[in-house]
Amino acid sequence: MSGFLSLAITVTLGLYVLAMVVGTLRVFRGPTAQDRVLALDFIYIVGMLVMLVLAIRYDSEMYFEGALLMVLFGFVSSVALAKFLLRGEVV
């Protein structure tokens, strides 16, 4: 791996961590439940991006599969939370 790519990956991971911290602050301080759900969606999307950058860094396909599973579970949880906020029941 070239030095420029290594530096770019390191900077990208640092910025993603910063984005996750900002999202976590919104989860704890969000004025409404909808803001908190949106912040959780943002956090799992950034987590998926971290997994993809790590897959590029370590040249491993396992991170791609983990990112796919993370997004699938995140989508299902977002739908469940949205249904709960609308109706007050999940099932």
N, C-alpha and C. Protein backbone atom coordinates (compact mmCIF):
# COMPACT_ATOMS: atom_id res chain seq x y z
N MET A 1 0.85 -1.17 0.00
CA MET A 1 0.00 0.00 0.00
C MET A 1 0.91 1.24 0.00
N SER A 2 0.52 2.20 -0.80
CA SER A 2 1.33 3.41 -0.91
C SER A 2 1.17 4.28 0.33
N GLY A 3 2.10 5.17 0.51
CA GLY A 3 2.07 6.07 1.66
C GLY A 3 0.89 7.02 1.62
N PHE A 4 0.53 7.49 0.40
CA PHE A 4 -0.59 8.40 0.27
C PHE A 4 -1.90 7.71 0.63
N LEU A 5 -2.08 6.45 0.17
CA LEU A 5 -3.30 5.71 0.49
C LEU A 5 -3.38 5.43 1.98
N SER A 6 -2.28 5.11 2.61
CA SER A 6 -2.27 4.87 4.04
C SER A 6 -2.65 6.13 4.82
N LEU A 7 -2.13 7.27 4.39
CA LEU A 7 -2.47 8.53 5.04
C LEU A 7 -3.95 8.87 4.82
N ALA A 8 -4.43 8.67 3.61
CA ALA A 8 -5.84 8.96 3.31
C ALA A 8 -6.77 8.08 4.14
N ILE A 9 -6.44 6.82 4.30
CA ILE A 9 -7.27 5.91 5.10
C ILE A 9 -7.26 6.34 6.57
N THR A 10 -6.10 6.73 7.08
CA THR A 10 -6.01 7.16 8.47
C THR A 10 -6.83 8.42 8.71
N VAL A 11 -6.73 9.38 7.81
CA VAL A 11 -7.50 10.62 7.94
C VAL A 11 -9.00 10.32 7.84
N THR A 12 -9.37 9.46 6.91
CA THR A 12 -10.77 9.10 6.74
C THR A 12 -11.33 8.44 7.99
N LEU A 13 -10.60 7.52 8.57
CA LEU A 13 -11.07 6.85 9.79
C LEU A 13 -11.20 7.85 10.94
N GLY A 14 -10.27 8.78 11.03
CA GLY A 14 -10.37 9.80 12.07
C GLY A 14 -11.60 10.68 11.91
N LEU A 15 -11.90 11.06 10.68
CA LEU A 15 -13.09 11.89 10.43
C LEU A 15 -14.37 11.10 10.69
N TYR A 16 -14.36 9.81 10.37
CA TYR A 16 -15.53 8.97 10.66
C TYR A 16 -15.75 8.85 12.17
N VAL A 17 -14.67 8.73 12.92
CA VAL A 17 -14.82 8.68 14.38
C VAL A 17 -15.40 9.99 14.90
N LEU A 18 -14.95 11.10 14.36
CA LEU A 18 -15.51 12.39 14.74
C LEU A 18 -17.00 12.47 14.40
N ALA A 19 -17.38 11.96 13.24
CA ALA A 19 -18.79 11.96 12.85
C ALA A 19 -19.62 11.09 13.79
N MET A 20 -19.06 9.97 14.22
CA MET A 20 -19.79 9.10 15.15
C MET A 20 -19.95 9.77 16.51
N VAL A 21 -18.96 10.53 16.94
CA VAL A 21 -19.07 11.25 18.21
C VAL A 21 -20.18 12.29 18.12
N VAL A 22 -20.24 13.01 17.00
CA VAL A 22 -21.30 14.00 16.82
C VAL A 22 -22.67 13.32 16.80
N GLY A 23 -22.77 12.19 16.13
CA GLY A 23 -24.03 11.44 16.11
C GLY A 23 -24.42 10.93 17.48
N THR A 24 -23.45 10.50 18.26
CA THR A 24 -23.73 10.03 19.62
C THR A 24 -24.22 11.17 20.50
N LEU A 25 -23.66 12.35 20.32
CA LEU A 25 -24.16 13.51 21.06
C LEU A 25 -25.61 13.80 20.72
N ARG A 26 -25.97 13.65 19.45
CA ARG A 26 -27.36 13.89 19.05
C ARG A 26 -28.28 12.82 19.63
N VAL A 27 -27.78 11.60 19.77
CA VAL A 27 -28.61 10.55 20.39
C VAL A 27 -28.92 10.91 21.83
N PHE A 28 -27.93 11.40 22.56
CA PHE A 28 -28.15 11.71 23.97
C PHE A 28 -28.87 13.02 24.20
N ARG A 29 -28.68 14.01 23.31
CA ARG A 29 -29.27 15.32 23.54
C ARG A 29 -30.40 15.66 22.59
N GLY A 30 -30.81 14.71 21.75
CA GLY A 30 -31.86 15.00 20.78
C GLY A 30 -33.16 15.41 21.46
N PRO A 31 -33.79 16.46 20.97
CA PRO A 31 -35.01 16.93 21.64
C PRO A 31 -36.19 15.97 21.45
N THR A 32 -36.26 15.26 20.33
CA THR A 32 -37.38 14.36 20.10
C THR A 32 -36.87 12.95 19.81
N ALA A 33 -37.79 12.01 19.88
CA ALA A 33 -37.44 10.62 19.59
C ALA A 33 -37.06 10.44 18.12
N GLN A 34 -37.68 11.20 17.25
CA GLN A 34 -37.35 11.10 15.83
C GLN A 34 -35.91 11.54 15.56
N ASP A 35 -35.44 12.56 16.27
CA ASP A 35 -34.04 12.97 16.13
C ASP A 35 -33.09 11.88 16.59
N ARG A 36 -33.46 11.21 17.64
CA ARG A 36 -32.61 10.12 18.14
C ARG A 36 -32.56 8.95 17.18
N VAL A 37 -33.69 8.61 16.58
CA VAL A 37 -33.71 7.51 15.61
C VAL A 37 -32.89 7.87 14.38
N LEU A 38 -33.01 9.10 13.92
CA LEU A 38 -32.22 9.55 12.78
C LEU A 38 -30.73 9.53 13.10
N ALA A 39 -30.36 9.90 14.32
CA ALA A 39 -28.95 9.86 14.73
C ALA A 39 -28.44 8.42 14.78
N LEU A 40 -29.28 7.49 15.23
CA LEU A 40 -28.87 6.08 15.23
C LEU A 40 -28.68 5.57 13.81
N ASP A 41 -29.55 5.97 12.88
CA ASP A 41 -29.37 5.61 11.48
C ASP A 41 -28.04 6.15 10.95
N PHE A 42 -27.75 7.39 11.30
CA PHE A 42 -26.50 8.00 10.87
C PHE A 42 -25.29 7.23 11.42
N ILE A 43 -25.38 6.82 12.68
CA ILE A 43 -24.26 6.11 13.30
C ILE A 43 -24.02 4.76 12.64
N TYR A 44 -25.10 4.03 12.32
CA TYR A 44 -24.84 2.73 11.70
C TYR A 44 -24.38 2.88 10.25
N ILE A 45 -24.77 3.94 9.56
CA ILE A 45 -24.26 4.18 8.21
C ILE A 45 -22.77 4.51 8.27
N VAL A 46 -22.37 5.34 9.21
CA VAL A 46 -20.94 5.67 9.35
C VAL A 46 -20.16 4.43 9.80
N GLY A 47 -20.76 3.60 10.64
CA GLY A 47 -20.11 2.34 11.02
C GLY A 47 -19.88 1.43 9.83
N MET A 48 -20.86 1.41 8.92
CA MET A 48 -20.70 0.63 7.70
C MET A 48 -19.56 1.19 6.84
N LEU A 49 -19.46 2.52 6.77
CA LEU A 49 -18.37 3.12 6.01
C LEU A 49 -17.01 2.82 6.63
N VAL A 50 -16.96 2.77 7.95
CA VAL A 50 -15.71 2.40 8.63
C VAL A 50 -15.32 0.97 8.26
N MET A 51 -16.31 0.09 8.23
CA MET A 51 -16.02 -1.30 7.85
C MET A 51 -15.48 -1.38 6.41
N LEU A 52 -16.04 -0.59 5.51
CA LEU A 52 -15.57 -0.61 4.13
C LEU A 52 -14.15 -0.05 4.01
N VAL A 53 -13.84 0.99 4.75
CA VAL A 53 -12.47 1.53 4.71
C VAL A 53 -11.49 0.53 5.31
N LEU A 54 -11.90 -0.17 6.37
CA LEU A 54 -11.02 -1.20 6.94
C LEU A 54 -10.83 -2.35 5.97
N ALA A 55 -11.85 -2.66 5.18
CA ALA A 55 -11.70 -3.71 4.17
C ALA A 55 -10.67 -3.32 3.12
N ILE A 56 -10.65 -2.05 2.76
CA ILE A 56 -9.64 -1.59 1.81
C ILE A 56 -8.25 -1.61 2.45
N ARG A 57 -8.19 -1.19 3.72
CA ARG A 57 -6.89 -1.13 4.40
C ARG A 57 -6.26 -2.51 4.57
N TYR A 58 -7.05 -3.49 5.02
CA TYR A 58 -6.51 -4.82 5.29
C TYR A 58 -6.70 -5.79 4.14
N ASP A 59 -7.30 -5.34 3.04
CA ASP A 59 -7.52 -6.17 1.85
C ASP A 59 -8.20 -7.49 2.22
N SER A 60 -9.34 -7.36 2.91
CA SER A 60 -10.07 -8.53 3.38
C SER A 60 -11.53 -8.44 2.97
N GLU A 61 -12.07 -9.55 2.50
CA GLU A 61 -13.47 -9.59 2.10
C GLU A 61 -14.42 -9.75 3.29
N MET A 62 -13.91 -10.15 4.41
CA MET A 62 -14.77 -10.36 5.59
C MET A 62 -15.38 -9.04 6.06
N TYR A 63 -14.67 -7.95 5.91
CA TYR A 63 -15.21 -6.65 6.31
C TYR A 63 -16.39 -6.25 5.42
N PHE A 64 -16.33 -6.62 4.13
CA PHE A 64 -17.44 -6.31 3.24
C PHE A 64 -18.70 -7.06 3.67
N GLU A 65 -18.54 -8.32 4.04
CA GLU A 65 -19.68 -9.10 4.51
C GLU A 65 -20.23 -8.54 5.82
N GLY A 66 -19.34 -8.13 6.71
CA GLY A 66 -19.77 -7.52 7.96
C GLY A 66 -20.51 -6.22 7.73
N ALA A 67 -20.05 -5.42 6.77
CA ALA A 67 -20.74 -4.17 6.45
C ALA A 67 -22.12 -4.44 5.88
N LEU A 68 -22.25 -5.46 5.05
CA LEU A 68 -23.56 -5.81 4.51
C LEU A 68 -24.52 -6.24 5.60
N LEU A 69 -24.05 -7.06 6.52
CA LEU A 69 -24.90 -7.49 7.63
C LEU A 69 -25.28 -6.31 8.53
N MET A 70 -24.34 -5.41 8.74
CA MET A 70 -24.61 -4.24 9.59
C MET A 70 -25.72 -3.38 8.98
N VAL A 71 -25.68 -3.19 7.67
CA VAL A 71 -26.69 -2.37 7.03
C VAL A 71 -28.05 -3.07 7.04
N LEU A 72 -28.06 -4.39 6.84
CA LEU A 72 -29.34 -5.11 6.87
C LEU A 72 -29.99 -5.03 8.24
N PHE A 73 -29.23 -5.26 9.28
CA PHE A 73 -29.78 -5.18 10.63
C PHE A 73 -30.16 -3.75 10.99
N GLY A 74 -29.39 -2.78 10.52
CA GLY A 74 -29.72 -1.39 10.77
C GLY A 74 -31.02 -0.98 10.10
N PHE A 75 -31.25 -1.46 8.88
CA PHE A 75 -32.49 -1.14 8.19
C PHE A 75 -33.69 -1.74 8.92
N VAL A 76 -33.57 -2.98 9.34
CA VAL A 76 -34.67 -3.63 10.05
C VAL A 76 -34.95 -2.92 11.37
N SER A 77 -33.92 -2.53 12.07
CA SER A 77 -34.14 -1.82 13.34
C SER A 77 -34.73 -0.44 13.10
N SER A 78 -34.37 0.22 12.02
CA SER A 78 -34.96 1.53 11.71
C SER A 78 -36.44 1.40 11.41
N VAL A 79 -36.81 0.37 10.67
CA VAL A 79 -38.22 0.15 10.37
C VAL A 79 -38.99 -0.16 11.64
N ALA A 80 -38.42 -0.98 12.51
CA ALA A 80 -39.09 -1.33 13.77
C ALA A 80 -39.25 -0.10 14.65
N LEU A 81 -38.23 0.73 14.75
CA LEU A 81 -38.34 1.95 15.56
C LEU A 81 -39.35 2.93 14.98
N ALA A 82 -39.39 3.04 13.65
CA ALA A 82 -40.36 3.94 13.03
C ALA A 82 -41.79 3.46 13.29
N LYS A 83 -41.99 2.15 13.18
CA LYS A 83 -43.32 1.61 13.45
C LYS A 83 -43.71 1.80 14.90
N PHE A 84 -42.75 1.63 15.79
CA PHE A 84 -43.02 1.83 17.21
C PHE A 84 -43.38 3.28 17.51
N LEU A 85 -42.68 4.22 16.89
CA LEU A 85 -42.98 5.64 17.11
C LEU A 85 -44.33 6.04 16.53
N LEU A 86 -44.74 5.40 15.45
CA LEU A 86 -46.03 5.73 14.84
C LEU A 86 -47.21 5.13 15.61
N ARG A 87 -47.09 3.84 15.96
CA ARG A 87 -48.24 3.13 16.54
C ARG A 87 -48.09 2.72 18.00
N GLY A 88 -46.89 2.70 18.48
CA GLY A 88 -46.69 2.28 19.87
C GLY A 88 -46.53 0.79 20.04
N GLU A 89 -46.46 0.04 18.92
CA GLU A 89 -46.25 -1.41 18.97
C GLU A 89 -45.29 -1.78 17.88
N VAL A 90 -44.56 -2.87 18.11
CA VAL A 90 -43.55 -3.29 17.13
C VAL A 90 -44.10 -4.39 16.24
N VAL A 91 -44.79 -5.34 16.82
CA VAL A 91 -45.29 -6.47 16.05
C VAL A 91 -46.73 -6.26 15.66
